[in-house]
Every structure is written in structure tokens, then in C-alpha cells.
Amino acid sequence: MKADLLRARDMKRYINHLTVAKKQCEKRIRLLGGPNYENSEEGGAEDSDDPQSQKILQFNDILCNPGYREHFRLYMERVDKRALISFWELVETLKTANKVTVEALAQSC
């Protein structure tokens, strides 16, 4: 009986700690320009034109869609990692290129 009461008390404390940590994380995300999770319901955010509720894309979708990839490229330039996406694009080009094109690309690098 006493052990159950202690477990319940500990569980309430644990839930309280998690709630406080979650609120701190949400506040920091919001300060960094991320979405406002406090206004969304428990199923996720609604779709709207508000940048705070935009859909989260899979990385593969970003790379396969030229428009998304261009936005990703701009982001990579801002964080000085443009070479990474350039390398990926070159590899994708080499996968579909014929032998003459591959040799020409290899010599130009």
C-alpha cells in the first residue's frame, strides 16, 4: 500500500518534470523561429498558410523535388555546407550519365 503511494507520488513528480522540460523546449523552439506548439492540439498542427504550422517534409522528398531541393540548397549555403548538396547532385548526375559524360565530368573535377 505504501509502496503504491510512493510510486504514484514519484510518477506525479516525473510527469511534472517532463511537463516543465517540454514547455522550456517549446519556448526555446519558438524563440529560434520554430512553430508554436502550445496552440496546436494533441494530434498535430493544422494545415494553413501560417509558417508556424507548415508540414514537415521527409528528407527524401526534399531531395527528389527540385523546388524543395533549391530551398534546401539555399539553407545549406547559409550554414556553409553547400559542398554537401553539390556532392549529392554530382553523384546523382553520374548515376544517370553515359560513359562519355562520366569521363568528361571526372576530368573537370
PDB file of N, CA and C in Angstrom:
ATOM      1  N   MET A   1       0.818  -1.195   0.000  1.00  0.00           N
ATOM      2  CA  MET A   1       0.000   0.000   0.000  1.00  0.00           C
ATOM      3  C   MET A   1       0.866   1.264   0.000  1.00  0.00           C
ATOM      4  N   LYS A   2       1.842   1.298   0.934  1.00  0.00           N
ATOM      5  CA  LYS A   2       2.708   2.465   0.999  1.00  0.00           C
ATOM      6  C   LYS A   2       3.578   2.568  -0.254  1.00  0.00           C
ATOM      7  N   ALA A   3       3.999   1.419  -0.768  1.00  0.00           N
ATOM      8  CA  ALA A   3       4.825   1.411  -1.980  1.00  0.00           C
ATOM      9  C   ALA A   3       4.040   1.980  -3.164  1.00  0.00           C
ATOM     10  N   ASP A   4       2.761   1.656  -3.236  1.00  0.00           N
ATOM     11  CA  ASP A   4       1.926   2.190  -4.314  1.00  0.00           C
ATOM     12  C   ASP A   4       1.786   3.710  -4.202  1.00  0.00           C
ATOM     13  N   LEU A   5       1.637   4.216  -2.992  1.00  0.00           N
ATOM     14  CA  LEU A   5       1.530   5.653  -2.795  1.00  0.00           C
ATOM     15  C   LEU A   5       2.829   6.360  -3.189  1.00  0.00           C
ATOM     16  N   LEU A   6       3.957   5.737  -2.842  1.00  0.00           N
ATOM     17  CA  LEU A   6       5.249   6.324  -3.211  1.00  0.00           C
ATOM     18  C   LEU A   6       5.436   6.319  -4.729  1.00  0.00           C
ATOM     19  N   ARG A   7       5.041   5.222  -5.370  1.00  0.00           N
ATOM     20  CA  ARG A   7       5.134   5.164  -6.831  1.00  0.00           C
ATOM     21  C   ARG A   7       4.258   6.225  -7.483  1.00  0.00           C
ATOM     22  N   ALA A   8       3.059   6.411  -6.976  1.00  0.00           N
ATOM     23  CA  ALA A   8       2.150   7.414  -7.522  1.00  0.00           C
ATOM     24  C   ALA A   8       2.729   8.819  -7.345  1.00  0.00           C
ATOM     25  N   ARG A   9       3.320   9.077  -6.151  1.00  0.00           N
ATOM     26  CA  ARG A   9       3.935  10.371  -5.906  1.00  0.00           C
ATOM     27  C   ARG A   9       5.118  10.595  -6.853  1.00  0.00           C
ATOM     28  N   ASP A  10       5.937   9.576  -7.013  1.00  0.00           N
ATOM     29  CA  ASP A  10       7.093   9.672  -7.908  1.00  0.00           C
ATOM     30  C   ASP A  10       6.647   9.871  -9.361  1.00  0.00           C
ATOM     31  N   MET A  11       5.572   9.198  -9.740  1.00  0.00           N
ATOM     32  CA  MET A  11       5.060   9.332 -11.100  1.00  0.00           C
ATOM     33  C   MET A  11       4.552  10.759 -11.331  1.00  0.00           C
ATOM     34  N   LYS A  12       3.867  11.330 -10.362  1.00  0.00           N
ATOM     35  CA  LYS A  12       3.389  12.703 -10.491  1.00  0.00           C
ATOM     36  C   LYS A  12       4.572  13.665 -10.617  1.00  0.00           C
ATOM     37  N   ARG A  13       5.612  13.457  -9.832  1.00  0.00           N
ATOM     38  CA  ARG A  13       6.810  14.298  -9.931  1.00  0.00           C
ATOM     39  C   ARG A  13       7.457  14.161 -11.307  1.00  0.00           C
ATOM     40  N   TYR A  14       7.549  12.934 -11.774  1.00  0.00           N
ATOM     41  CA  TYR A  14       8.166  12.674 -13.071  1.00  0.00           C
ATOM     42  C   TYR A  14       7.387  13.367 -14.193  1.00  0.00           C
ATOM     43  N   ILE A  15       6.072  13.253 -14.138  1.00  0.00           N
ATOM     44  CA  ILE A  15       5.222  13.897 -15.146  1.00  0.00           C
ATOM     45  C   ILE A  15       5.384  15.415 -15.063  1.00  0.00           C
ATOM     46  N   ASN A  16       5.466  15.954 -13.860  1.00  0.00           N
ATOM     47  CA  ASN A  16       5.663  17.390 -13.691  1.00  0.00           C
ATOM     48  C   ASN A  16       7.001  17.829 -14.288  1.00  0.00           C
ATOM     49  N   HIS A  17       8.064  17.067 -14.025  1.00  0.00           N
ATOM     50  CA  HIS A  17       9.380  17.384 -14.597  1.00  0.00           C
ATOM     51  C   HIS A  17       9.331  17.360 -16.121  1.00  0.00           C
ATOM     52  N   LEU A  18       8.659  16.364 -16.676  1.00  0.00           N
ATOM     53  CA  LEU A  18       8.546  16.277 -18.134  1.00  0.00           C
ATOM     54  C   LEU A  18       7.748  17.442 -18.708  1.00  0.00           C
ATOM     55  N   THR A  19       6.693  17.826 -18.014  1.00  0.00           N
ATOM     56  CA  THR A  19       5.869  18.942 -18.474  1.00  0.00           C
ATOM     57  C   THR A  19       6.669  20.242 -18.488  1.00  0.00           C
ATOM     58  N   VAL A  20       7.440  20.473 -17.427  1.00  0.00           N
ATOM     59  CA  VAL A  20       8.271  21.678 -17.359  1.00  0.00           C
ATOM     60  C   VAL A  20       9.324  21.660 -18.461  1.00  0.00           C
ATOM     61  N   ALA A  21       9.978  20.509 -18.659  1.00  0.00           N
ATOM     62  CA  ALA A  21      11.006  20.391 -19.704  1.00  0.00           C
ATOM     63  C   ALA A  21      10.401  20.618 -21.089  1.00  0.00           C
ATOM     64  N   LYS A  22       9.208  20.071 -21.323  1.00  0.00           N
ATOM     65  CA  LYS A  22       8.538  20.244 -22.612  1.00  0.00           C
ATOM     66  C   LYS A  22       8.239  21.719 -22.866  1.00  0.00           C
ATOM     67  N   LYS A  23       7.715  22.415 -21.866  1.00  0.00           N
ATOM     68  CA  LYS A  23       7.410  23.838 -22.022  1.00  0.00           C
ATOM     69  C   LYS A  23       8.675  24.652 -22.291  1.00  0.00           C
ATOM     70  N   GLN A  24       9.777  24.302 -21.626  1.00  0.00           N
ATOM     71  CA  GLN A  24      11.040  25.010 -21.863  1.00  0.00           C
ATOM     72  C   GLN A  24      11.528  24.772 -23.292  1.00  0.00           C
ATOM     73  N   CYS A  25      11.422  23.537 -23.775  1.00  0.00           N
ATOM     74  CA  CYS A  25      11.828  23.218 -25.146  1.00  0.00           C
ATOM     75  C   CYS A  25      10.958  23.965 -26.156  1.00  0.00           C
ATOM     76  N   GLU A  26       9.653  23.977 -25.932  1.00  0.00           N
ATOM     77  CA  GLU A  26       8.748  24.679 -26.842  1.00  0.00           C
ATOM     78  C   GLU A  26       9.049  26.172 -26.874  1.00  0.00           C
ATOM     79  N   LYS A  27       9.357  26.742 -25.717  1.00  0.00           N
ATOM     80  CA  LYS A  27       9.688  28.162 -25.654  1.00  0.00           C
ATOM     81  C   LYS A  27      10.970  28.441 -26.440  1.00  0.00           C
ATOM     82  N   ARG A  28      11.971  27.594 -26.282  1.00  0.00           N
ATOM     83  CA  ARG A  28      13.238  27.785 -26.992  1.00  0.00           C
ATOM     84  C   ARG A  28      13.052  27.607 -28.500  1.00  0.00           C
ATOM     85  N   ILE A  29      12.264  26.636 -28.901  1.00  0.00           N
ATOM     86  CA  ILE A  29      11.982  26.419 -30.322  1.00  0.00           C
ATOM     87  C   ILE A  29      11.296  27.652 -30.907  1.00  0.00           C
ATOM     88  N   ARG A  30      10.333  28.196 -30.168  1.00  0.00           N
ATOM     89  CA  ARG A  30       9.611  29.383 -30.628  1.00  0.00           C
ATOM     90  C   ARG A  30      10.559  30.583 -30.748  1.00  0.00           C
ATOM     91  N   LEU A  31      11.485  30.725 -29.781  1.00  0.00           N
ATOM     92  CA  LEU A  31      12.454  31.826 -29.835  1.00  0.00           C
ATOM     93  C   LEU A  31      13.389  31.700 -31.040  1.00  0.00           C
ATOM     94  N   LEU A  32      13.666  30.478 -31.455  1.00  0.00           N
ATOM     95  CA  LEU A  32      14.542  30.243 -32.599  1.00  0.00           C
ATOM     96  C   LEU A  32      13.795  30.301 -33.925  1.00  0.00           C
ATOM     97  N   GLY A  33      12.504  30.607 -33.883  1.00  0.00           N
ATOM     98  CA  GLY A  33      11.735  30.764 -35.112  1.00  0.00           C
ATOM     99  C   GLY A  33      10.937  29.537 -35.506  1.00  0.00           C
ATOM    100  N   GLY A  34      10.849  28.574 -34.636  1.00  0.00           N
ATOM    101  CA  GLY A  34      10.100  27.362 -34.949  1.00  0.00           C
ATOM    102  C   GLY A  34       8.616  27.528 -34.674  1.00  0.00           C
ATOM    103  N   PRO A  35       7.856  26.463 -34.862  1.00  0.00           N
ATOM    104  CA  PRO A  35       6.403  26.529 -34.682  1.00  0.00           C
ATOM    105  C   PRO A  35       6.002  26.706 -33.221  1.00  0.00           C
ATOM    106  N   ASN A  36       4.806  27.214 -33.019  1.00  0.00           N
ATOM    107  CA  ASN A  36       4.249  27.405 -31.687  1.00  0.00           C
ATOM    108  C   ASN A  36       3.423  26.168 -31.340  1.00  0.00           C
ATOM    109  N   TYR A  37       3.989  25.259 -30.565  1.00  0.00           N
ATOM    110  CA  TYR A  37       3.316  24.009 -30.233  1.00  0.00           C
ATOM    111  C   TYR A  37       2.235  24.185 -29.177  1.00  0.00           C
ATOM    112  N   GLU A  38       2.260  25.272 -28.447  1.00  0.00           N
ATOM    113  CA  GLU A  38       1.275  25.480 -27.395  1.00  0.00           C
ATOM    114  C   GLU A  38      -0.134  25.636 -27.953  1.00  0.00           C
ATOM    115  N   ASN A  39      -0.260  26.183 -29.165  1.00  0.00           N
ATOM    116  CA  ASN A  39      -1.578  26.415 -29.754  1.00  0.00           C
ATOM    117  C   ASN A  39      -2.109  25.203 -30.497  1.00  0.00           C
ATOM    118  N   SER A  40      -1.279  24.201 -30.764  1.00  0.00           N
ATOM    119  CA  SER A  40      -1.747  23.038 -31.525  1.00  0.00           C
ATOM    120  C   SER A  40      -2.365  22.013 -30.589  1.00  0.00           C
ATOM    121  N   GLU A  41      -3.305  21.268 -31.145  1.00  0.00           N
ATOM    122  CA  GLU A  41      -3.958  20.232 -30.361  1.00  0.00           C
ATOM    123  C   GLU A  41      -3.109  18.984 -30.339  1.00  0.00           C
ATOM    124  N   GLU A  42      -3.543  17.981 -29.603  1.00  0.00           N
ATOM    125  CA  GLU A  42      -2.759  16.767 -29.427  1.00  0.00           C
ATOM    126  C   GLU A  42      -2.583  15.951 -30.688  1.00  0.00           C
ATOM    127  N   GLY A  43      -3.151  16.216 -31.777  1.00  0.00           N
ATOM    128  CA  GLY A  43      -2.954  15.412 -32.975  1.00  0.00           C
ATOM    129  C   GLY A  43      -1.954  15.987 -33.940  1.00  0.00           C
ATOM    130  N   GLY A  44      -1.424  17.135 -33.665  1.00  0.00           N
ATOM    131  CA  GLY A  44      -0.524  17.792 -34.599  1.00  0.00           C
ATOM    132  C   GLY A  44      -1.119  19.108 -35.035  1.00  0.00           C
ATOM    133  N   ALA A  45      -0.349  19.849 -35.806  1.00  0.00           N
ATOM    134  CA  ALA A  45      -0.774  21.178 -36.238  1.00  0.00           C
ATOM    135  C   ALA A  45      -1.721  21.080 -37.427  1.00  0.00           C
ATOM    136  N   GLU A  46      -2.540  22.111 -37.592  1.00  0.00           N
ATOM    137  CA  GLU A  46      -3.438  22.176 -38.736  1.00  0.00           C
ATOM    138  C   GLU A  46      -2.692  22.715 -39.939  1.00  0.00           C
ATOM    139  N   ASP A  47      -3.160  22.386 -41.134  1.00  0.00           N
ATOM    140  CA  ASP A  47      -2.556  22.941 -42.345  1.00  0.00           C
ATOM    141  C   ASP A  47      -3.130  24.324 -42.593  1.00  0.00           C
ATOM    142  N   SER A  48      -2.250  25.308 -42.785  1.00  0.00           N
ATOM    143  CA  SER A  48      -2.677  26.660 -43.125  1.00  0.00           C
ATOM    144  C   SER A  48      -1.516  27.375 -43.772  1.00  0.00           C
ATOM    145  N   ASP A  49      -1.710  28.640 -44.122  1.00  0.00           N
ATOM    146  CA  ASP A  49      -0.651  29.423 -44.739  1.00  0.00           C
ATOM    147  C   ASP A  49       0.346  29.940 -43.707  1.00  0.00           C
ATOM    148  N   ASP A  50       0.018  29.846 -42.448  1.00  0.00           N
ATOM    149  CA  ASP A  50       0.899  30.317 -41.389  1.00  0.00           C
ATOM    150  C   ASP A  50       2.173  29.480 -41.368  1.00  0.00           C
ATOM    151  N   PRO A  51       3.366  30.112 -41.427  1.00  0.00           N
ATOM    152  CA  PRO A  51       4.606  29.342 -41.438  1.00  0.00           C
ATOM    153  C   PRO A  51       4.787  28.499 -40.178  1.00  0.00           C
ATOM    154  N   GLN A  52       4.103  28.872 -39.106  1.00  0.00           N
ATOM    155  CA  GLN A  52       4.239  28.120 -37.867  1.00  0.00           C
ATOM    156  C   GLN A  52       3.602  26.733 -37.953  1.00  0.00           C
ATOM    157  N   SER A  53       2.705  26.502 -38.922  1.00  0.00           N
ATOM    158  CA  SER A  53       2.002  25.225 -38.996  1.00  0.00           C
ATOM    159  C   SER A  53       2.264  24.508 -40.320  1.00  0.00           C
ATOM    160  N   GLN A  54       3.402  24.740 -40.929  1.00  0.00           N
ATOM    161  CA  GLN A  54       3.702  24.091 -42.190  1.00  0.00           C
ATOM    162  C   GLN A  54       4.034  22.617 -41.975  1.00  0.00           C
ATOM    163  N   LYS A  55       3.821  21.827 -43.018  1.00  0.00           N
ATOM    164  CA  LYS A  55       4.062  20.395 -42.985  1.00  0.00           C
ATOM    165  C   LYS A  55       5.564  20.102 -42.887  1.00  0.00           C
ATOM    166  N   ILE A  56       5.923  19.104 -42.120  1.00  0.00           N
ATOM    167  CA  ILE A  56       7.315  18.668 -42.025  1.00  0.00           C
ATOM    168  C   ILE A  56       7.544  17.630 -43.113  1.00  0.00           C
ATOM    169  N   LEU A  57       8.528  17.879 -43.953  1.00  0.00           N
ATOM    170  CA  LEU A  57       8.803  17.009 -45.095  1.00  0.00           C
ATOM    171  C   LEU A  57       9.860  15.967 -44.760  1.00  0.00           C
ATOM    172  N   GLN A  58       9.758  14.833 -45.412  1.00  0.00           N
ATOM    173  CA  GLN A  58      10.787  13.804 -45.305  1.00  0.00           C
ATOM    174  C   GLN A  58      11.997  14.237 -46.121  1.00  0.00           C
ATOM    175  N   PHE A  59      13.190  13.854 -45.669  1.00  0.00           N
ATOM    176  CA  PHE A  59      14.413  14.266 -46.346  1.00  0.00           C
ATOM    177  C   PHE A  59      14.435  13.783 -47.796  1.00  0.00           C
ATOM    178  N   ASN A  60      13.970  12.580 -48.039  1.00  0.00           N
ATOM    179  CA  ASN A  60      13.942  12.040 -49.400  1.00  0.00           C
ATOM    180  C   ASN A  60      13.032  12.880 -50.298  1.00  0.00           C
ATOM    181  N   ASP A  61      11.909  13.350 -49.765  1.00  0.00           N
ATOM    182  CA  ASP A  61      11.003  14.217 -50.537  1.00  0.00           C
ATOM    183  C   ASP A  61      11.697  15.527 -50.909  1.00  0.00           C
ATOM    184  N   ILE A  62      12.480  16.063 -49.996  1.00  0.00           N
ATOM    185  CA  ILE A  62      13.201  17.313 -50.252  1.00  0.00           C
ATOM    186  C   ILE A  62      14.207  17.125 -51.375  1.00  0.00           C
ATOM    187  N   LEU A  63      14.936  16.024 -51.351  1.00  0.00           N
ATOM    188  CA  LEU A  63      15.956  15.794 -52.368  1.00  0.00           C
ATOM    189  C   LEU A  63      15.360  15.451 -53.726  1.00  0.00           C
ATOM    190  N   CYS A  64      14.219  14.813 -53.757  1.00  0.00           N
ATOM    191  CA  CYS A  64      13.612  14.401 -55.024  1.00  0.00           C
ATOM    192  C   CYS A  64      12.845  15.527 -55.720  1.00  0.00           C
ATOM    193  N   ASN A  65      12.421  16.525 -54.990  1.00  0.00           N
ATOM    194  CA  ASN A  65      11.653  17.624 -55.564  1.00  0.00           C
ATOM    195  C   ASN A  65      12.593  18.794 -55.846  1.00  0.00           C
ATOM    196  N   PRO A  66      12.729  19.219 -57.100  1.00  0.00           N
ATOM    197  CA  PRO A  66      13.660  20.308 -57.431  1.00  0.00           C
ATOM    198  C   PRO A  66      13.380  21.618 -56.681  1.00  0.00           C
ATOM    199  N   GLY A  67      12.129  21.947 -56.473  1.00  0.00           N
ATOM    200  CA  GLY A  67      11.788  23.171 -55.749  1.00  0.00           C
ATOM    201  C   GLY A  67      12.214  23.111 -54.293  1.00  0.00           C
ATOM    202  N   TYR A  68      11.892  21.982 -53.648  1.00  0.00           N
ATOM    203  CA  TYR A  68      12.292  21.803 -52.251  1.00  0.00           C
ATOM    204  C   TYR A  68      13.817  21.776 -52.150  1.00  0.00           C
ATOM    205  N   ARG A  69      14.447  21.100 -53.118  1.00  0.00           N
ATOM    206  CA  ARG A  69      15.907  20.983 -53.098  1.00  0.00           C
ATOM    207  C   ARG A  69      16.561  22.361 -53.219  1.00  0.00           C
ATOM    208  N   GLU A  70      15.960  23.250 -54.011  1.00  0.00           N
ATOM    209  CA  GLU A  70      16.516  24.606 -54.151  1.00  0.00           C
ATOM    210  C   GLU A  70      16.465  25.350 -52.819  1.00  0.00           C
ATOM    211  N   HIS A  71      15.362  25.222 -52.098  1.00  0.00           N
ATOM    212  CA  HIS A  71      15.266  25.849 -50.776  1.00  0.00           C
ATOM    213  C   HIS A  71      16.282  25.242 -49.819  1.00  0.00           C
ATOM    214  N   PHE A  72      16.448  23.921 -49.906  1.00  0.00           N
ATOM    215  CA  PHE A  72      17.436  23.242 -49.063  1.00  0.00           C
ATOM    216  C   PHE A  72      18.844  23.717 -49.418  1.00  0.00           C
ATOM    217  N   ARG A  73      19.114  23.894 -50.713  1.00  0.00           N
ATOM    218  CA  ARG A  73      20.422  24.381 -51.160  1.00  0.00           C
ATOM    219  C   ARG A  73      20.700  25.769 -50.575  1.00  0.00           C
ATOM    220  N   LEU A  74      19.694  26.640 -50.593  1.00  0.00           N
ATOM    221  CA  LEU A  74      19.853  27.984 -50.019  1.00  0.00           C
ATOM    222  C   LEU A  74      20.148  27.909 -48.517  1.00  0.00           C
ATOM    223  N   TYR A  75      19.450  27.003 -47.847  1.00  0.00           N
ATOM    224  CA  TYR A  75      19.720  26.813 -46.415  1.00  0.00           C
ATOM    225  C   TYR A  75      21.150  26.324 -46.202  1.00  0.00           C
ATOM    226  N   MET A  76      21.572  25.370 -47.008  1.00  0.00           N
ATOM    227  CA  MET A  76      22.925  24.823 -46.862  1.00  0.00           C
ATOM    228  C   MET A  76      23.977  25.900 -47.126  1.00  0.00           C
ATOM    229  N   GLU A  77      23.695  26.828 -48.017  1.00  0.00           N
ATOM    230  CA  GLU A  77      24.617  27.943 -48.251  1.00  0.00           C
ATOM    231  C   GLU A  77      24.715  28.824 -47.015  1.00  0.00           C
ATOM    232  N   ARG A  78      23.587  29.054 -46.369  1.00  0.00           N
ATOM    233  CA  ARG A  78      23.603  29.892 -45.160  1.00  0.00           C
ATOM    234  C   ARG A  78      24.427  29.274 -44.047  1.00  0.00           C
ATOM    235  N   VAL A  79      24.451  27.947 -43.957  1.00  0.00           N
ATOM    236  CA  VAL A  79      25.223  27.286 -42.904  1.00  0.00           C
ATOM    237  C   VAL A  79      26.577  26.795 -43.411  1.00  0.00           C
ATOM    238  N   ASP A  80      27.006  27.319 -44.563  1.00  0.00           N
ATOM    239  CA  ASP A  80      28.314  26.999 -45.156  1.00  0.00           C
ATOM    240  C   ASP A  80      28.517  25.501 -45.386  1.00  0.00           C
ATOM    241  N   LYS A  81      27.484  24.814 -45.863  1.00  0.00           N
ATOM    242  CA  LYS A  81      27.574  23.376 -46.163  1.00  0.00           C
ATOM    243  C   LYS A  81      27.132  23.083 -47.587  1.00  0.00           C
ATOM    244  N   ARG A  82      27.273  24.053 -48.471  1.00  0.00           N
ATOM    245  CA  ARG A  82      26.831  23.934 -49.862  1.00  0.00           C
ATOM    246  C   ARG A  82      27.505  22.760 -50.555  1.00  0.00           C
ATOM    247  N   ALA A  83      28.754  22.466 -50.190  1.00  0.00           N
ATOM    248  CA  ALA A  83      29.500  21.392 -50.846  1.00  0.00           C
ATOM    249  C   ALA A  83      28.816  20.036 -50.669  1.00  0.00           C
ATOM    250  N   LEU A  84      28.125  19.835 -49.579  1.00  0.00           N
ATOM    251  CA  LEU A  84      27.468  18.544 -49.337  1.00  0.00           C
ATOM    252  C   LEU A  84      26.362  18.279 -50.350  1.00  0.00           C
ATOM    253  N   ILE A  85      25.496  19.255 -50.566  1.00  0.00           N
ATOM    254  CA  ILE A  85      24.420  19.042 -51.524  1.00  0.00           C
ATOM    255  C   ILE A  85      24.957  19.040 -52.952  1.00  0.00           C
ATOM    256  N   SER A  86      26.012  19.800 -53.213  1.00  0.00           N
ATOM    257  CA  SER A  86      26.635  19.783 -54.541  1.00  0.00           C
ATOM    258  C   SER A  86      27.205  18.398 -54.836  1.00  0.00           C
ATOM    259  N   PHE A  87      27.811  17.788 -53.831  1.00  0.00           N
ATOM    260  CA  PHE A  87      28.342  16.433 -53.999  1.00  0.00           C
ATOM    261  C   PHE A  87      27.212  15.457 -54.301  1.00  0.00           C
ATOM    262  N   TRP A  88      26.108  15.549 -53.553  1.00  0.00           N
ATOM    263  CA  TRP A  88      24.977  14.648 -53.779  1.00  0.00           C
ATOM    264  C   TRP A  88      24.441  14.821 -55.198  1.00  0.00           C
ATOM    265  N   GLU A  89      24.313  16.070 -55.655  1.00  0.00           N
ATOM    266  CA  GLU A  89      23.798  16.322 -57.006  1.00  0.00           C
ATOM    267  C   GLU A  89      24.742  15.762 -58.067  1.00  0.00           C
ATOM    268  N   LEU A  90      26.041  15.879 -57.850  1.00  0.00           N
ATOM    269  CA  LEU A  90      27.006  15.337 -58.797  1.00  0.00           C
ATOM    270  C   LEU A  90      26.918  13.812 -58.862  1.00  0.00           C
ATOM    271  N   VAL A  91      26.768  13.184 -57.712  1.00  0.00           N
ATOM    272  CA  VAL A  91      26.620  11.723 -57.688  1.00  0.00           C
ATOM    273  C   VAL A  91      25.359  11.305 -58.428  1.00  0.00           C
ATOM    274  N   GLU A  92      24.258  12.019 -58.215  1.00  0.00           N
ATOM    275  CA  GLU A  92      23.012  11.696 -58.917  1.00  0.00           C
ATOM    276  C   GLU A  92      23.178  11.887 -60.429  1.00  0.00           C
ATOM    277  N   THR A  93      23.919  12.894 -60.827  1.00  0.00           N
ATOM    278  CA  THR A  93      24.185  13.114 -62.248  1.00  0.00           C
ATOM    279  C   THR A  93      24.995  11.963 -62.816  1.00  0.00           C
ATOM    280  N   LEU A  94      25.997  11.518 -62.075  1.00  0.00           N
ATOM    281  CA  LEU A  94      26.847  10.416 -62.534  1.00  0.00           C
ATOM    282  C   LEU A  94      26.071   9.103 -62.638  1.00  0.00           C
ATOM    283  N   LYS A  95      25.077   8.919 -61.791  1.00  0.00           N
ATOM    284  CA  LYS A  95      24.278   7.688 -61.835  1.00  0.00           C
ATOM    285  C   LYS A  95      23.537   7.538 -63.160  1.00  0.00           C
ATOM    286  N   THR A  96      23.109   8.648 -63.741  1.00  0.00           N
ATOM    287  CA  THR A  96      22.293   8.584 -64.956  1.00  0.00           C
ATOM    288  C   THR A  96      23.056   8.976 -66.218  1.00  0.00           C
ATOM    289  N   ALA A  97      24.315   9.355 -66.079  1.00  0.00           N
ATOM    290  CA  ALA A  97      25.085   9.823 -67.238  1.00  0.00           C
ATOM    291  C   ALA A  97      25.655   8.646 -68.027  1.00  0.00           C
ATOM    292  N   ASN A  98      25.911   8.888 -69.313  1.00  0.00           N
ATOM    293  CA  ASN A  98      26.548   7.855 -70.120  1.00  0.00           C
ATOM    294  C   ASN A  98      28.059   7.893 -69.884  1.00  0.00           C
ATOM    295  N   LYS A  99      28.773   6.946 -70.453  1.00  0.00           N
ATOM    296  CA  LYS A  99      30.195   6.783 -70.182  1.00  0.00           C
ATOM    297  C   LYS A  99      31.016   8.004 -70.602  1.00  0.00           C
ATOM    298  N   VAL A 100      30.721   8.600 -71.747  1.00  0.00           N
ATOM    299  CA  VAL A 100      31.462   9.768 -72.228  1.00  0.00           C
ATOM    300  C   VAL A 100      31.265  10.958 -71.278  1.00  0.00           C
ATOM    301  N   THR A 101      30.021  11.150 -70.846  1.00  0.00           N
ATOM    302  CA  THR A 101      29.724  12.244 -69.927  1.00  0.00           C
ATOM    303  C   THR A 101      30.426  12.038 -68.585  1.00  0.00           C
ATOM    304  N   VAL A 102      30.464  10.792 -68.122  1.00  0.00           N
ATOM    305  CA  VAL A 102      31.122  10.493 -66.841  1.00  0.00           C
ATOM    306  C   VAL A 102      32.610  10.842 -66.933  1.00  0.00           C
ATOM    307  N   GLU A 103      33.249  10.452 -68.026  1.00  0.00           N
ATOM    308  CA  GLU A 103      34.672  10.750 -68.191  1.00  0.00           C
ATOM    309  C   GLU A 103      34.907  12.257 -68.236  1.00  0.00           C
ATOM    310  N   ALA A 104      34.047  12.996 -68.920  1.00  0.00           N
ATOM    311  CA  ALA A 104      34.188  14.441 -69.017  1.00  0.00           C
ATOM    312  C   ALA A 104      33.995  15.100 -67.639  1.00  0.00           C
ATOM    313  N   LEU A 105      32.993  14.615 -66.895  1.00  0.00           N
ATOM    314  CA  LEU A 105      32.767  15.163 -65.573  1.00  0.00           C
ATOM    315  C   LEU A 105      33.916  14.846 -64.627  1.00  0.00           C
ATOM    316  N   ALA A 106      34.471  13.648 -64.739  1.00  0.00           N
ATOM    317  CA  ALA A 106      35.578  13.249 -63.877  1.00  0.00           C
ATOM    318  C   ALA A 106      36.816  14.098 -64.157  1.00  0.00           C
ATOM    319  N   GLN A 107      37.049  14.428 -65.422  1.00  0.00           N
ATOM    320  CA  GLN A 107      38.220  15.241 -65.770  1.00  0.00           C
ATOM    321  C   GLN A 107      38.048  16.694 -65.328  1.00  0.00           C
ATOM    322  N   SER A 108      36.814  17.179 -65.287  1.00  0.00           N
ATOM    323  CA  SER A 108      36.589  18.572 -64.913  1.00  0.00           C
ATOM    324  C   SER A 108      36.705  18.787 -63.413  1.00  0.00           C
ATOM    325  N   CYS A 109      36.607  17.722 -62.628  1.00  0.00           N
ATOM    326  CA  CYS A 109      36.679  17.866 -61.159  1.00  0.00           C
ATOM    327  C   CYS A 109      38.067  17.863 -60.680  1.00  0.00           C
TER     328      CYS A 109
END
